[in-house]
Structures are given as C-alpha cells and as structure tokens.
Amino acid sequence: MPRPTVAQLAYGASTVIFSTLAMLLLSQTSSGVGIAVIALAALALGLLVAMTVPGARGAQQEAAGTAPEGERVPTAL
C-alpha cells in the first residue's frame, strides 16, 4: 500500500477537524457516547476524503492523456 501524500493528509485532517466541530455544535450533545459517535463518524469521513484525493488526480490525468503508462487510472461509473 503506498504512503499517503501531503495533500491526502491535509485534506483528511482538515475534514476530521471541521466535521467534528460542526457536528458537535449542531448536535449540542454532552454525553460521552454521543461525542464518541461523532468522533468516529468524523474519522470515517476524513478517511473517505483522504482516499478519494488520488481519484480526482487520476481522472484529470486520464482526460489530459498524461497518466504514466502501465498505471491503472480509476474511472467514474
């Protein structure tokens, strides 16, 4: 498995931070279970965002015809 890029780490971390703050402010929860659920949801969302960053770059490379030969470029269905 390749190591995450700086962009992936930045997008994932900022997604986790901002989504956690937004969900905590909107839900106004104060219970430990509610905070734990929100934290897990934010982590899952951050992971999803971080893993989709290369997909956008690959689609741009495919459209421009600059993808390295032999590299599998993900395509939208």
N, C-alpha and C. Protein backbone atom coordinates (compact mmCIF):
# COMPACT_ATOMS: atom_id res chain seq x y z
N MET A 1 0.85 -1.17 0.00
CA MET A 1 0.00 0.00 0.00
C MET A 1 0.89 1.24 0.00
N PRO A 2 0.66 2.17 -0.93
CA PRO A 2 1.50 3.36 -1.00
C PRO A 2 1.27 4.28 0.19
N ARG A 3 2.31 5.06 0.50
CA ARG A 3 2.21 6.00 1.61
C ARG A 3 1.33 7.18 1.21
N PRO A 4 0.59 7.74 2.16
CA PRO A 4 -0.28 8.89 1.83
C PRO A 4 0.55 10.12 1.48
N THR A 5 0.04 10.90 0.56
CA THR A 5 0.72 12.14 0.17
C THR A 5 0.39 13.25 1.16
N VAL A 6 1.09 14.36 1.02
CA VAL A 6 0.85 15.50 1.89
C VAL A 6 -0.57 16.03 1.68
N ALA A 7 -1.02 16.04 0.44
CA ALA A 7 -2.38 16.52 0.15
C ALA A 7 -3.42 15.63 0.82
N GLN A 8 -3.21 14.32 0.77
CA GLN A 8 -4.16 13.40 1.41
C GLN A 8 -4.21 13.64 2.91
N LEU A 9 -3.05 13.81 3.54
CA LEU A 9 -3.02 14.05 4.98
C LEU A 9 -3.70 15.38 5.33
N ALA A 10 -3.45 16.40 4.54
CA ALA A 10 -4.04 17.72 4.81
C ALA A 10 -5.56 17.69 4.65
N TYR A 11 -6.02 17.12 3.53
CA TYR A 11 -7.48 17.05 3.32
C TYR A 11 -8.15 16.20 4.38
N GLY A 12 -7.57 15.07 4.72
CA GLY A 12 -8.17 14.19 5.72
C GLY A 12 -8.21 14.82 7.10
N ALA A 13 -7.10 15.44 7.50
CA ALA A 13 -7.04 16.07 8.82
C ALA A 13 -8.01 17.24 8.94
N SER A 14 -8.05 18.08 7.91
CA SER A 14 -8.95 19.22 7.98
C SER A 14 -10.42 18.78 7.95
N THR A 15 -10.71 17.71 7.22
CA THR A 15 -12.08 17.19 7.22
C THR A 15 -12.47 16.68 8.59
N VAL A 16 -11.57 15.96 9.25
CA VAL A 16 -11.87 15.44 10.59
C VAL A 16 -12.11 16.59 11.56
N ILE A 17 -11.25 17.59 11.54
CA ILE A 17 -11.37 18.71 12.49
C ILE A 17 -12.66 19.49 12.27
N PHE A 18 -12.89 19.91 11.02
CA PHE A 18 -14.06 20.75 10.76
C PHE A 18 -15.38 19.99 10.88
N SER A 19 -15.40 18.73 10.45
CA SER A 19 -16.65 17.98 10.57
C SER A 19 -16.95 17.65 12.04
N THR A 20 -15.92 17.39 12.84
CA THR A 20 -16.15 17.16 14.27
C THR A 20 -16.73 18.40 14.93
N LEU A 21 -16.11 19.54 14.67
CA LEU A 21 -16.63 20.78 15.26
C LEU A 21 -18.06 21.06 14.81
N ALA A 22 -18.33 20.90 13.53
CA ALA A 22 -19.68 21.18 13.02
C ALA A 22 -20.70 20.24 13.64
N MET A 23 -20.40 18.95 13.70
CA MET A 23 -21.37 18.00 14.26
C MET A 23 -21.58 18.22 15.75
N LEU A 24 -20.51 18.56 16.48
CA LEU A 24 -20.67 18.82 17.91
C LEU A 24 -21.51 20.07 18.15
N LEU A 25 -21.28 21.11 17.35
CA LEU A 25 -22.05 22.33 17.52
C LEU A 25 -23.52 22.14 17.12
N LEU A 26 -23.75 21.40 16.06
CA LEU A 26 -25.13 21.20 15.60
C LEU A 26 -25.92 20.26 16.50
N SER A 27 -25.26 19.23 17.02
CA SER A 27 -25.99 18.25 17.84
C SER A 27 -26.14 18.71 19.29
N GLN A 28 -25.25 19.56 19.75
CA GLN A 28 -25.24 20.05 21.13
C GLN A 28 -25.26 18.90 22.15
N THR A 29 -24.58 17.83 21.83
CA THR A 29 -24.53 16.69 22.74
C THR A 29 -23.49 16.93 23.82
N SER A 30 -23.73 16.35 24.98
CA SER A 30 -22.77 16.45 26.07
C SER A 30 -22.48 15.08 26.68
N SER A 31 -23.10 14.04 26.13
CA SER A 31 -22.85 12.70 26.64
C SER A 31 -21.59 12.11 26.01
N GLY A 32 -20.95 11.25 26.73
CA GLY A 32 -19.74 10.61 26.23
C GLY A 32 -19.99 9.74 25.02
N VAL A 33 -21.12 9.05 25.02
CA VAL A 33 -21.45 8.18 23.88
C VAL A 33 -21.70 9.02 22.63
N GLY A 34 -22.40 10.12 22.75
CA GLY A 34 -22.66 10.99 21.60
C GLY A 34 -21.38 11.57 21.02
N ILE A 35 -20.48 11.98 21.90
CA ILE A 35 -19.20 12.54 21.44
C ILE A 35 -18.38 11.46 20.75
N ALA A 36 -18.40 10.24 21.28
CA ALA A 36 -17.65 9.14 20.67
C ALA A 36 -18.20 8.80 19.28
N VAL A 37 -19.52 8.80 19.14
CA VAL A 37 -20.13 8.51 17.83
C VAL A 37 -19.76 9.59 16.83
N ILE A 38 -19.80 10.85 17.26
CA ILE A 38 -19.44 11.95 16.37
C ILE A 38 -17.97 11.86 15.97
N ALA A 39 -17.10 11.54 16.92
CA ALA A 39 -15.68 11.43 16.61
C ALA A 39 -15.42 10.30 15.62
N LEU A 40 -16.08 9.16 15.79
CA LEU A 40 -15.91 8.04 14.85
C LEU A 40 -16.44 8.39 13.47
N ALA A 41 -17.56 9.08 13.41
CA ALA A 41 -18.12 9.49 12.12
C ALA A 41 -17.18 10.47 11.42
N ALA A 42 -16.60 11.39 12.17
CA ALA A 42 -15.66 12.34 11.58
C ALA A 42 -14.40 11.65 11.08
N LEU A 43 -13.91 10.67 11.82
CA LEU A 43 -12.73 9.92 11.37
C LEU A 43 -13.03 9.15 10.09
N ALA A 44 -14.20 8.54 10.03
CA ALA A 44 -14.58 7.80 8.82
C ALA A 44 -14.70 8.75 7.63
N LEU A 45 -15.29 9.92 7.84
CA LEU A 45 -15.43 10.90 6.77
C LEU A 45 -14.05 11.41 6.32
N GLY A 46 -13.16 11.65 7.27
CA GLY A 46 -11.81 12.09 6.92
C GLY A 46 -11.05 11.05 6.13
N LEU A 47 -11.21 9.78 6.50
CA LEU A 47 -10.57 8.70 5.76
C LEU A 47 -11.12 8.61 4.35
N LEU A 48 -12.42 8.75 4.21
CA LEU A 48 -13.04 8.72 2.89
C LEU A 48 -12.53 9.85 2.01
N VAL A 49 -12.46 11.04 2.56
CA VAL A 49 -11.97 12.19 1.79
C VAL A 49 -10.50 11.99 1.41
N ALA A 50 -9.69 11.54 2.35
CA ALA A 50 -8.27 11.35 2.07
C ALA A 50 -8.01 10.29 1.00
N MET A 51 -8.82 9.26 0.98
CA MET A 51 -8.61 8.20 0.00
C MET A 51 -9.15 8.55 -1.39
N THR A 52 -10.03 9.55 -1.49
CA THR A 52 -10.56 9.92 -2.80
C THR A 52 -9.75 11.02 -3.47
N VAL A 53 -8.78 11.60 -2.79
CA VAL A 53 -7.95 12.65 -3.39
C VAL A 53 -7.21 12.13 -4.62
N PRO A 54 -6.57 10.96 -4.60
CA PRO A 54 -5.87 10.49 -5.80
C PRO A 54 -6.82 10.20 -6.95
N GLY A 55 -8.06 9.83 -6.69
CA GLY A 55 -9.02 9.54 -7.75
C GLY A 55 -9.28 10.75 -8.61
N ALA A 56 -9.36 11.91 -8.01
CA ALA A 56 -9.59 13.13 -8.78
C ALA A 56 -8.38 13.45 -9.64
N ARG A 57 -7.17 13.24 -9.12
CA ARG A 57 -5.96 13.50 -9.89
C ARG A 57 -5.84 12.53 -11.04
N GLY A 58 -6.19 11.27 -10.82
CA GLY A 58 -6.11 10.26 -11.87
C GLY A 58 -7.07 10.54 -13.00
N ALA A 59 -8.26 11.03 -12.67
CA ALA A 59 -9.24 11.36 -13.70
C ALA A 59 -8.76 12.53 -14.54
N GLN A 60 -8.10 13.50 -13.90
CA GLN A 60 -7.56 14.64 -14.64
C GLN A 60 -6.44 14.19 -15.57
N GLN A 61 -5.59 13.29 -15.09
CA GLN A 61 -4.50 12.79 -15.92
C GLN A 61 -5.04 11.99 -17.10
N GLU A 62 -6.08 11.21 -16.85
CA GLU A 62 -6.65 10.42 -17.93
C GLU A 62 -7.26 11.32 -18.99
N ALA A 63 -7.95 12.38 -18.56
CA ALA A 63 -8.56 13.30 -19.50
C ALA A 63 -7.50 14.03 -20.32
N ALA A 64 -6.37 14.33 -19.68
CA ALA A 64 -5.30 15.03 -20.38
C ALA A 64 -4.40 14.08 -21.15
N GLY A 65 -4.54 12.78 -20.90
CA GLY A 65 -3.71 11.79 -21.57
C GLY A 65 -2.29 11.75 -21.04
N THR A 66 -2.09 12.16 -19.78
CA THR A 66 -0.75 12.20 -19.22
C THR A 66 -0.50 11.15 -18.15
N ALA A 67 -1.40 10.19 -17.99
CA ALA A 67 -1.20 9.15 -16.99
C ALA A 67 -0.02 8.29 -17.39
N PRO A 68 0.86 7.95 -16.45
CA PRO A 68 2.01 7.11 -16.77
C PRO A 68 1.56 5.78 -17.34
N GLU A 69 2.32 5.28 -18.29
CA GLU A 69 1.96 4.02 -18.93
C GLU A 69 2.04 2.88 -17.92
N GLY A 70 1.04 2.03 -17.93
CA GLY A 70 1.01 0.91 -17.02
C GLY A 70 0.32 1.22 -15.71
N GLU A 71 0.06 2.51 -15.44
CA GLU A 71 -0.63 2.88 -14.20
C GLU A 71 -2.12 2.78 -14.42
N ARG A 72 -2.78 2.14 -13.49
CA ARG A 72 -4.22 1.99 -13.58
C ARG A 72 -4.88 3.24 -13.06
N VAL A 73 -5.65 3.91 -13.89
CA VAL A 73 -6.31 5.15 -13.52
C VAL A 73 -7.78 4.84 -13.23
N PRO A 74 -8.28 5.18 -12.03
CA PRO A 74 -9.68 4.92 -11.71
C PRO A 74 -10.61 5.75 -12.60
N THR A 75 -11.72 5.15 -12.96
CA THR A 75 -12.70 5.86 -13.79
C THR A 75 -14.04 5.87 -13.06
N ALA A 76 -14.81 6.89 -13.33
CA ALA A 76 -16.14 7.01 -12.72
C ALA A 76 -17.09 6.08 -13.45
N LEU A 77 -18.05 5.53 -12.72
CA LEU A 77 -19.04 4.64 -13.32
C LEU A 77 -20.24 5.39 -13.78
